[in-house]
């Protein structure tokens, strides 16, 4: 039974790969991996005309997974977690540091929140 769920989940992801995120949320959230959720975020940002770059900073631990760039100069960081997982202390510290500099930083752990995260970045002020 467990294998059928895994196979079915991957079929649903493949079917809805280019559809809006709201349709893809029928997947069993509790079994979703961080990688699958991150891929859904990247596709939604791209659908809205933006980019979601993988953010890696050698020598600095705890940086968010994605740097989201949207039309109009809108910028935000997103830490992606598998459903039910929490940010580590160094990630929380880095989030506070980036927010102190005036950046938006989100922790995404549910596919239903993707639209809200991207909307939040899209509504952000630019200087």
N, C-alpha and C. Protein backbone atom coordinates (compact mmCIF):
# COMPACT_ATOMS: atom_id res chain seq x y z
N UNK A 1 0.83 -1.19 0.00
CA UNK A 1 0.00 0.00 0.00
C UNK A 1 0.87 1.26 0.00
N UNK A 2 1.93 1.27 0.76
CA UNK A 2 2.82 2.42 0.85
C UNK A 2 3.45 2.73 -0.52
N UNK A 3 3.87 1.69 -1.26
CA UNK A 3 4.47 1.89 -2.57
C UNK A 3 3.47 2.47 -3.56
N UNK A 4 2.21 2.04 -3.48
CA UNK A 4 1.19 2.57 -4.38
C UNK A 4 1.02 4.07 -4.16
N UNK A 5 1.03 4.50 -2.90
CA UNK A 5 0.89 5.91 -2.59
C UNK A 5 2.05 6.70 -3.17
N UNK A 6 3.26 6.18 -3.03
CA UNK A 6 4.45 6.85 -3.54
C UNK A 6 4.38 6.98 -5.07
N UNK A 7 4.00 5.90 -5.74
CA UNK A 7 3.89 5.91 -7.20
C UNK A 7 2.79 6.88 -7.63
N UNK A 8 1.64 6.82 -6.96
CA UNK A 8 0.53 7.70 -7.29
C UNK A 8 0.94 9.16 -7.11
N UNK A 9 1.66 9.46 -6.06
CA UNK A 9 2.10 10.82 -5.78
C UNK A 9 2.98 11.33 -6.92
N UNK A 10 3.90 10.52 -7.39
CA UNK A 10 4.79 10.93 -8.47
C UNK A 10 4.02 11.12 -9.77
N UNK A 11 3.01 10.29 -10.01
CA UNK A 11 2.19 10.46 -11.21
C UNK A 11 1.44 11.79 -11.16
N UNK A 12 0.89 12.11 -9.99
CA UNK A 12 0.17 13.38 -9.84
C UNK A 12 1.12 14.55 -10.07
N UNK A 13 2.32 14.49 -9.50
CA UNK A 13 3.30 15.56 -9.70
C UNK A 13 3.62 15.72 -11.18
N UNK A 14 3.82 14.62 -11.89
CA UNK A 14 4.13 14.70 -13.31
C UNK A 14 2.97 15.25 -14.13
N UNK A 15 1.74 14.87 -13.77
CA UNK A 15 0.57 15.35 -14.49
C UNK A 15 0.38 16.86 -14.33
N UNK A 16 0.65 17.34 -13.13
CA UNK A 16 0.37 18.73 -12.82
C UNK A 16 1.61 19.62 -12.85
N UNK A 17 2.68 19.16 -13.41
CA UNK A 17 3.94 19.90 -13.34
C UNK A 17 3.82 21.33 -13.88
N UNK A 18 3.00 21.57 -14.87
CA UNK A 18 2.88 22.92 -15.43
C UNK A 18 1.57 23.61 -15.06
N UNK A 19 0.80 23.01 -14.16
CA UNK A 19 -0.47 23.60 -13.76
C UNK A 19 -0.27 24.47 -12.54
N UNK A 20 -1.23 25.35 -12.23
CA UNK A 20 -1.11 26.18 -11.02
C UNK A 20 -1.00 25.32 -9.77
N UNK A 21 -0.33 25.85 -8.78
CA UNK A 21 -0.05 25.14 -7.54
C UNK A 21 -1.32 24.65 -6.86
N UNK A 22 -2.41 25.41 -6.92
CA UNK A 22 -3.63 25.03 -6.21
C UNK A 22 -4.16 23.68 -6.66
N UNK A 23 -3.92 23.29 -7.88
CA UNK A 23 -4.39 22.00 -8.38
C UNK A 23 -3.50 20.87 -7.85
N UNK A 24 -2.22 21.14 -7.69
CA UNK A 24 -1.28 20.10 -7.27
C UNK A 24 -1.37 19.79 -5.78
N UNK A 25 -2.16 20.51 -5.00
CA UNK A 25 -2.22 20.29 -3.56
C UNK A 25 -3.03 19.05 -3.18
N UNK A 26 -3.55 18.31 -4.15
CA UNK A 26 -4.27 17.08 -3.86
C UNK A 26 -3.32 15.97 -3.42
N UNK A 27 -2.04 16.17 -3.59
CA UNK A 27 -1.03 15.19 -3.18
C UNK A 27 -1.08 15.04 -1.68
N UNK A 28 -0.79 13.86 -1.19
CA UNK A 28 -0.74 13.66 0.25
C UNK A 28 0.40 14.48 0.83
N UNK A 29 0.05 15.51 1.56
CA UNK A 29 1.03 16.45 2.08
C UNK A 29 2.01 15.79 3.03
N UNK A 30 1.53 14.92 3.90
CA UNK A 30 2.41 14.34 4.91
C UNK A 30 3.53 13.50 4.32
N UNK A 31 3.35 12.96 3.12
CA UNK A 31 4.37 12.14 2.48
C UNK A 31 5.25 12.93 1.52
N UNK A 32 4.97 14.22 1.37
CA UNK A 32 5.72 15.04 0.42
C UNK A 32 7.13 15.29 0.95
N UNK A 33 8.10 15.26 0.05
CA UNK A 33 9.49 15.54 0.45
C UNK A 33 9.78 17.03 0.26
N UNK A 34 10.85 17.47 0.89
CA UNK A 34 11.29 18.86 0.75
C UNK A 34 11.59 19.17 -0.71
N UNK A 35 12.21 18.25 -1.40
CA UNK A 35 12.57 18.46 -2.80
C UNK A 35 11.33 18.67 -3.67
N UNK A 36 10.28 17.88 -3.43
CA UNK A 36 9.05 18.02 -4.20
C UNK A 36 8.39 19.37 -3.94
N UNK A 37 8.37 19.78 -2.69
CA UNK A 37 7.78 21.07 -2.34
C UNK A 37 8.59 22.22 -2.95
N UNK A 38 9.90 22.09 -2.92
CA UNK A 38 10.77 23.12 -3.50
C UNK A 38 10.54 23.23 -5.01
N UNK A 39 10.36 22.10 -5.67
CA UNK A 39 10.09 22.09 -7.10
C UNK A 39 8.76 22.78 -7.42
N UNK A 40 7.76 22.57 -6.57
CA UNK A 40 6.47 23.23 -6.76
C UNK A 40 6.61 24.75 -6.62
N UNK A 41 7.42 25.19 -5.65
CA UNK A 41 7.67 26.62 -5.47
C UNK A 41 8.33 27.21 -6.71
N UNK A 42 9.37 26.54 -7.20
CA UNK A 42 10.10 27.02 -8.37
C UNK A 42 9.16 27.15 -9.58
N UNK A 43 8.30 26.17 -9.76
CA UNK A 43 7.36 26.21 -10.89
C UNK A 43 6.35 27.34 -10.77
N UNK A 44 5.86 27.58 -9.55
CA UNK A 44 4.90 28.67 -9.35
C UNK A 44 5.55 30.03 -9.58
N UNK A 45 6.76 30.21 -9.09
CA UNK A 45 7.47 31.47 -9.30
C UNK A 45 7.71 31.69 -10.80
N UNK A 46 8.11 30.64 -11.49
CA UNK A 46 8.34 30.73 -12.94
C UNK A 46 7.04 31.06 -13.67
N UNK A 47 5.94 30.45 -13.25
CA UNK A 47 4.63 30.69 -13.86
C UNK A 47 4.24 32.16 -13.74
N UNK A 48 4.69 32.80 -12.67
CA UNK A 48 4.38 34.22 -12.45
C UNK A 48 5.43 35.15 -13.05
N UNK A 49 6.33 34.60 -13.84
CA UNK A 49 7.30 35.42 -14.54
C UNK A 49 8.57 35.72 -13.77
N UNK A 50 8.80 35.00 -12.68
CA UNK A 50 9.98 35.25 -11.86
C UNK A 50 10.98 34.11 -11.91
N UNK A 51 11.94 34.18 -11.02
CA UNK A 51 12.97 33.15 -10.89
C UNK A 51 13.13 32.81 -9.41
N UNK A 52 13.43 31.56 -9.13
CA UNK A 52 13.69 31.10 -7.76
C UNK A 52 15.03 30.39 -7.77
N UNK A 53 16.09 31.15 -7.58
CA UNK A 53 17.44 30.61 -7.63
C UNK A 53 17.77 29.82 -6.37
N UNK A 54 18.46 28.72 -6.55
CA UNK A 54 19.00 27.97 -5.40
C UNK A 54 20.05 28.87 -4.77
N UNK A 55 19.91 29.12 -3.47
CA UNK A 55 20.81 30.04 -2.79
C UNK A 55 21.79 29.24 -1.93
N UNK A 56 23.05 29.31 -2.30
CA UNK A 56 24.11 28.61 -1.57
C UNK A 56 25.18 29.64 -1.23
N UNK A 57 25.59 29.67 0.02
CA UNK A 57 26.61 30.62 0.45
C UNK A 57 27.72 29.87 1.16
N UNK A 58 28.77 29.50 0.44
CA UNK A 58 29.87 28.74 1.06
C UNK A 58 30.43 29.47 2.29
N UNK A 59 30.60 28.73 3.35
CA UNK A 59 31.17 29.28 4.57
C UNK A 59 30.16 29.91 5.51
N UNK A 60 28.91 30.04 5.08
CA UNK A 60 27.86 30.60 5.94
C UNK A 60 26.73 29.59 6.04
N UNK A 61 26.53 29.05 7.22
CA UNK A 61 25.47 28.06 7.44
C UNK A 61 24.13 28.71 7.69
N UNK A 62 23.07 27.99 7.35
CA UNK A 62 21.73 28.41 7.71
C UNK A 62 21.05 29.37 6.76
N UNK A 63 21.64 29.61 5.59
CA UNK A 63 20.99 30.51 4.64
C UNK A 63 19.76 29.83 4.03
N UNK A 64 18.72 30.61 3.66
CA UNK A 64 17.52 30.03 3.06
C UNK A 64 17.84 29.30 1.76
N UNK A 65 16.95 28.35 1.40
CA UNK A 65 17.16 27.52 0.21
C UNK A 65 17.03 28.27 -1.11
N UNK A 66 16.09 29.21 -1.18
CA UNK A 66 15.79 29.87 -2.45
C UNK A 66 15.77 31.39 -2.33
N UNK A 67 16.31 32.03 -3.34
CA UNK A 67 16.23 33.48 -3.51
C UNK A 67 15.19 33.70 -4.61
N UNK A 68 14.06 34.27 -4.24
CA UNK A 68 12.95 34.46 -5.17
C UNK A 68 12.97 35.88 -5.71
N UNK A 69 13.01 35.99 -7.03
CA UNK A 69 13.03 37.28 -7.73
C UNK A 69 11.78 37.36 -8.61
N UNK A 70 10.96 38.38 -8.38
CA UNK A 70 9.72 38.55 -9.13
C UNK A 70 9.75 39.85 -9.92
N UNK A 71 8.92 39.95 -10.96
CA UNK A 71 8.86 41.18 -11.75
C UNK A 71 8.64 42.40 -10.85
N UNK A 72 9.21 43.51 -11.26
CA UNK A 72 9.06 44.74 -10.51
C UNK A 72 10.10 44.90 -9.41
N UNK A 73 11.14 44.08 -9.44
CA UNK A 73 12.20 44.19 -8.45
C UNK A 73 11.84 43.62 -7.09
N UNK A 74 10.88 42.74 -7.02
CA UNK A 74 10.46 42.13 -5.76
C UNK A 74 11.40 40.97 -5.42
N UNK A 75 11.86 40.94 -4.15
CA UNK A 75 12.85 39.95 -3.72
C UNK A 75 12.45 39.36 -2.38
N UNK A 76 12.64 38.06 -2.22
CA UNK A 76 12.41 37.41 -0.93
C UNK A 76 13.20 36.12 -0.85
N UNK A 77 13.42 35.66 0.36
CA UNK A 77 14.11 34.39 0.60
C UNK A 77 13.09 33.37 1.09
N UNK A 78 13.28 32.11 0.70
CA UNK A 78 12.38 31.05 1.15
C UNK A 78 13.19 29.86 1.63
N UNK A 79 12.97 29.46 2.88
CA UNK A 79 13.52 28.22 3.43
C UNK A 79 12.44 27.17 3.26
N UNK A 80 12.74 26.09 2.55
CA UNK A 80 11.77 25.04 2.29
C UNK A 80 12.03 23.87 3.23
N UNK A 81 10.97 23.39 3.87
CA UNK A 81 11.05 22.26 4.79
C UNK A 81 10.01 21.22 4.40
N UNK A 82 10.32 19.98 4.63
CA UNK A 82 9.32 18.92 4.45
C UNK A 82 8.19 19.19 5.44
N UNK A 83 6.96 18.83 5.09
CA UNK A 83 5.85 19.07 6.00
C UNK A 83 6.13 18.51 7.41
N UNK A 84 5.88 19.35 8.40
CA UNK A 84 6.09 18.96 9.79
C UNK A 84 7.48 19.20 10.33
N UNK A 85 8.43 19.53 9.47
CA UNK A 85 9.80 19.79 9.91
C UNK A 85 9.95 21.26 10.29
N UNK A 86 10.84 21.52 11.24
CA UNK A 86 11.07 22.88 11.73
C UNK A 86 12.46 23.37 11.33
N UNK A 87 12.62 24.69 11.34
CA UNK A 87 13.93 25.27 11.03
C UNK A 87 14.89 25.00 12.19
N UNK A 88 16.17 24.79 11.84
CA UNK A 88 17.22 24.59 12.84
C UNK A 88 17.58 25.93 13.47
N UNK A 89 18.20 25.93 14.64
CA UNK A 89 18.57 27.20 15.30
C UNK A 89 19.42 28.12 14.42
N UNK A 90 20.37 27.58 13.65
CA UNK A 90 21.19 28.45 12.80
C UNK A 90 20.36 29.05 11.66
N UNK A 91 19.33 28.35 11.21
CA UNK A 91 18.45 28.89 10.17
C UNK A 91 17.57 30.01 10.73
N UNK A 92 17.12 29.83 11.96
CA UNK A 92 16.31 30.86 12.62
C UNK A 92 17.15 32.13 12.82
N UNK A 93 18.40 31.93 13.22
CA UNK A 93 19.31 33.06 13.41
C UNK A 93 19.53 33.80 12.09
N UNK A 94 19.77 33.06 11.00
CA UNK A 94 20.01 33.67 9.70
C UNK A 94 18.75 34.38 9.20
N UNK A 95 17.58 33.79 9.46
CA UNK A 95 16.31 34.42 9.08
C UNK A 95 16.18 35.78 9.78
N UNK A 96 16.45 35.82 11.07
CA UNK A 96 16.37 37.08 11.83
C UNK A 96 17.36 38.11 11.30
N UNK A 97 18.54 37.65 10.96
CA UNK A 97 19.57 38.54 10.42
C UNK A 97 19.12 39.17 9.11
N UNK A 98 18.58 38.35 8.20
CA UNK A 98 18.12 38.85 6.90
C UNK A 98 16.92 39.79 7.06
N UNK A 99 16.01 39.44 7.98
CA UNK A 99 14.85 40.30 8.23
C UNK A 99 15.31 41.64 8.83
N UNK A 100 16.34 41.61 9.66
CA UNK A 100 16.91 42.84 10.22
C UNK A 100 17.48 43.76 9.15
N UNK A 101 17.88 43.18 8.04
CA UNK A 101 18.39 43.96 6.90
C UNK A 101 17.26 44.44 5.98
N UNK A 102 16.02 44.05 6.33
CA UNK A 102 14.87 44.51 5.57
C UNK A 102 14.35 43.55 4.51
N UNK A 103 14.87 42.32 4.48
CA UNK A 103 14.41 41.33 3.50
C UNK A 103 13.26 40.51 4.04
N UNK A 104 12.39 40.05 3.14
CA UNK A 104 11.35 39.11 3.50
C UNK A 104 11.95 37.71 3.52
N UNK A 105 11.64 36.94 4.56
CA UNK A 105 12.13 35.56 4.66
C UNK A 105 10.96 34.69 5.10
N UNK A 106 10.66 33.66 4.32
CA UNK A 106 9.56 32.75 4.62
C UNK A 106 10.08 31.35 4.86
N UNK A 107 9.37 30.61 5.71
CA UNK A 107 9.61 29.19 5.87
C UNK A 107 8.40 28.48 5.28
N UNK A 108 8.61 27.69 4.25
CA UNK A 108 7.54 27.00 3.53
C UNK A 108 7.56 25.52 3.85
N UNK A 109 6.47 25.00 4.41
CA UNK A 109 6.41 23.57 4.71
C UNK A 109 5.08 22.93 4.31
N UNK A 110 4.30 23.66 3.49
CA UNK A 110 3.01 23.14 3.06
C UNK A 110 2.73 23.65 1.65
N UNK A 111 2.35 22.77 0.73
CA UNK A 111 2.10 23.21 -0.64
C UNK A 111 0.97 24.22 -0.75
N UNK A 112 0.04 24.19 0.18
CA UNK A 112 -1.08 25.13 0.15
C UNK A 112 -0.63 26.56 0.46
N UNK A 113 0.56 26.72 1.02
CA UNK A 113 1.08 28.04 1.38
C UNK A 113 1.92 28.68 0.26
N UNK A 114 2.18 27.95 -0.80
CA UNK A 114 3.04 28.47 -1.87
C UNK A 114 2.49 29.77 -2.45
N UNK A 115 1.21 29.79 -2.76
CA UNK A 115 0.59 30.99 -3.33
C UNK A 115 0.72 32.19 -2.41
N UNK A 116 0.50 31.97 -1.11
CA UNK A 116 0.61 33.06 -0.14
C UNK A 116 2.02 33.59 -0.01
N UNK A 117 3.00 32.70 -0.06
CA UNK A 117 4.40 33.12 0.03
C UNK A 117 4.76 33.96 -1.19
N UNK A 118 4.42 33.48 -2.36
CA UNK A 118 4.75 34.21 -3.59
C UNK A 118 3.97 35.53 -3.64
N UNK A 119 2.70 35.51 -3.20
CA UNK A 119 1.93 36.76 -3.14
C UNK A 119 2.58 37.77 -2.20
N UNK A 120 3.06 37.30 -1.06
CA UNK A 120 3.73 38.18 -0.09
C UNK A 120 4.95 38.85 -0.67
N UNK A 121 5.72 38.09 -1.42
CA UNK A 121 6.91 38.66 -2.07
C UNK A 121 6.48 39.63 -3.17
N UNK A 122 5.46 39.27 -3.92
CA UNK A 122 4.99 40.12 -5.03
C UNK A 122 4.45 41.46 -4.51
N UNK A 123 3.90 41.49 -3.32
CA UNK A 123 3.35 42.73 -2.73
C UNK A 123 4.40 43.54 -1.99
N UNK A 124 5.60 43.02 -1.84
CA UNK A 124 6.62 43.72 -1.05
C UNK A 124 7.01 45.04 -1.70
N UNK A 125 7.47 45.94 -0.86
CA UNK A 125 7.91 47.26 -1.34
C UNK A 125 9.32 47.18 -1.88
N UNK A 126 9.61 47.97 -2.89
CA UNK A 126 10.99 48.08 -3.38
C UNK A 126 11.48 49.48 -3.07
N UNK A 127 12.78 49.59 -2.90
CA UNK A 127 13.34 50.90 -2.58
C UNK A 127 14.12 51.47 -3.74
